[in-house]
Amino acid sequence: MKLLSLGMFVFAIDTLAYDELQHKHAWRFASNGRIGAKDAIQFVGADLETISLSGSAHVELADGRVSLDQLIEMAAEGEDWPLVDALGNVLGNFVITAIDERHRHFLPNGQPRQIDFGIDLLEAPDAAE
């Protein structure tokens, strides 16, 4: 089952399934100091959207190491990628800004049975226009 795709990489049970998706929308305001009164603020515009994915890859279900390596290669290219949800909605173009890993429950050969991961994405609006 496809959860989300970033470029040609598909987040799914057999690749890398996330447990949580956090989508942040923010807006910017500039402040202007005033004498004898609270600062005035003015709406400046929308900030770039951020999306954070977190989850765990288990060796019994999929080789999360291979999938994480693919995402690390994509991040190192510095390119933006279209992000599409399971319903086919295009969320925009995003770059990978960070990938965190935590290896747990090791097998006798040193391979982790579980890799907890976090992936941070940042909107790249210029590419989508």
Protein backbone atom coordinates (compact mmCIF):
# COMPACT_ATOMS: atom_id res chain seq x y z
CA MET A 1 0.00 0.00 0.00
CA LYS A 2 1.42 3.34 -1.08
CA LEU A 3 1.44 6.00 1.64
CA LEU A 4 3.28 8.83 -0.10
CA SER A 5 5.78 9.33 -2.90
CA LEU A 6 8.68 11.74 -3.11
CA GLY A 7 9.90 11.82 -6.68
CA MET A 8 10.24 8.18 -7.70
CA PHE A 9 10.65 6.97 -4.10
CA VAL A 10 7.47 5.41 -2.71
CA PHE A 11 6.88 5.24 1.03
CA ALA A 12 5.13 1.89 1.59
CA ILE A 13 5.17 -1.15 3.86
CA ASP A 14 7.76 -2.91 1.67
CA THR A 15 10.08 0.12 1.39
CA LEU A 16 9.86 2.56 4.28
CA ALA A 17 6.58 3.12 6.10
CA TYR A 18 6.23 6.09 8.41
CA ASP A 19 4.14 6.10 11.58
CA GLU A 20 3.64 9.84 11.77
CA LEU A 21 3.46 12.75 9.35
CA GLN A 22 3.58 16.31 10.65
CA HIS A 23 2.73 19.10 8.19
CA LYS A 24 3.51 22.62 9.37
CA HIS A 25 2.06 25.81 7.89
CA ALA A 26 3.35 29.12 9.25
CA TRP A 27 3.01 32.82 8.47
CA ARG A 28 5.41 35.70 9.00
CA PHE A 29 4.72 39.02 10.66
CA ALA A 30 7.11 41.97 10.88
CA SER A 31 7.03 44.11 13.99
CA ASN A 32 7.59 47.83 14.21
CA GLY A 33 8.45 49.40 17.55
CA ARG A 34 6.35 52.30 18.80
CA ILE A 35 7.05 54.73 21.61
CA GLY A 36 4.70 54.34 24.55
CA ALA A 37 2.73 51.51 22.95
CA LYS A 38 3.07 47.86 22.06
CA ASP A 39 4.80 47.06 18.80
CA ALA A 40 2.71 47.13 15.64
CA ILE A 41 2.77 44.05 13.43
CA GLN A 42 2.24 43.66 9.72
CA PHE A 43 1.52 40.47 7.80
CA VAL A 44 4.47 39.71 5.53
CA GLY A 45 3.39 36.41 3.95
CA ALA A 46 3.48 32.67 4.25
CA ASP A 47 6.58 30.77 5.36
CA LEU A 48 7.73 27.68 3.54
CA GLU A 49 5.82 24.56 4.52
CA THR A 50 7.65 21.79 6.33
CA ILE A 51 6.79 18.12 6.54
CA SER A 52 8.34 15.70 9.02
CA LEU A 53 8.00 11.94 8.69
CA SER A 54 8.94 9.52 11.44
CA GLY A 55 8.69 5.79 11.80
CA SER A 56 10.49 2.49 12.18
CA ALA A 57 11.79 0.03 9.62
CA HIS A 58 11.92 -3.61 10.70
CA VAL A 59 14.20 -6.12 8.99
CA GLU A 60 11.37 -8.69 8.98
CA LEU A 61 9.21 -6.44 6.76
CA ALA A 62 11.63 -4.57 4.51
CA ASP A 63 15.26 -3.57 4.19
CA GLY A 64 15.00 -0.07 5.59
CA ARG A 65 18.75 0.43 5.13
CA VAL A 66 18.39 0.30 1.33
CA SER A 67 15.47 2.74 1.39
CA LEU A 68 17.25 5.17 3.70
CA ASP A 69 20.34 5.04 1.49
CA GLN A 70 18.16 5.92 -1.53
CA LEU A 71 16.74 8.92 0.32
CA ILE A 72 20.22 10.01 1.45
CA GLU A 73 21.36 9.92 -2.19
CA MET A 74 18.32 11.98 -3.21
CA ALA A 75 19.09 14.54 -0.48
CA ALA A 76 22.74 14.76 -1.54
CA GLU A 77 21.66 15.70 -5.08
CA GLY A 78 20.10 18.88 -3.68
CA GLU A 79 17.12 18.56 -6.01
CA ASP A 80 13.49 19.20 -5.24
CA TRP A 81 11.01 16.38 -5.73
CA PRO A 82 7.23 16.31 -6.20
CA LEU A 83 5.44 15.01 -3.11
CA VAL A 84 2.21 13.10 -3.81
CA ASP A 85 -0.05 11.51 -1.19
CA ALA A 86 -1.84 8.15 -1.47
CA LEU A 87 -4.95 9.83 -2.89
CA GLY A 88 -2.98 11.40 -5.75
CA ASN A 89 -2.97 14.92 -4.28
CA VAL A 90 0.17 16.82 -5.25
CA LEU A 91 1.43 18.56 -2.11
CA GLY A 92 4.10 20.52 -3.99
CA ASN A 93 7.82 20.16 -4.54
CA PHE A 94 10.04 19.50 -1.53
CA VAL A 95 13.72 19.08 -0.71
CA ILE A 96 15.09 16.72 1.92
CA THR A 97 16.79 18.79 4.62
CA ALA A 98 17.58 16.09 7.20
CA ILE A 99 17.46 12.35 7.81
CA ASP A 100 17.91 10.96 11.33
CA GLU A 101 18.50 7.29 12.13
CA ARG A 102 18.51 5.31 15.35
CA HIS A 103 19.53 1.64 15.16
CA ARG A 104 18.06 -0.76 17.74
CA HIS A 105 17.75 -4.45 18.65
CA PHE A 106 20.82 -5.86 16.92
CA LEU A 107 21.20 -9.31 15.38
CA PRO A 108 24.33 -11.40 16.13
CA ASN A 109 25.96 -10.12 12.90
CA GLY A 110 25.54 -6.49 14.03
CA GLN A 111 22.64 -5.70 11.71
CA PRO A 112 19.87 -3.74 13.42
CA ARG A 113 16.47 -5.42 13.51
CA GLN A 114 14.88 -2.00 13.80
CA ILE A 115 15.84 1.41 12.42
CA ASP A 116 13.89 4.37 13.76
CA PHE A 117 14.01 7.27 11.33
CA GLY A 118 13.02 10.88 10.92
CA ILE A 119 12.92 12.73 7.61
CA ASP A 120 12.49 16.49 7.29
CA LEU A 121 11.19 18.04 4.07
CA LEU A 122 11.09 21.72 3.12
CA GLU A 123 8.83 23.21 0.48
CA ALA A 124 10.58 24.34 -2.72
CA PRO A 125 7.91 26.63 -4.23
CA ASP A 126 9.96 28.04 -7.12
CA ALA A 127 10.11 24.66 -8.81
CA ALA A 128 6.34 24.18 -8.60
CA GLU A 129 5.54 27.43 -10.42
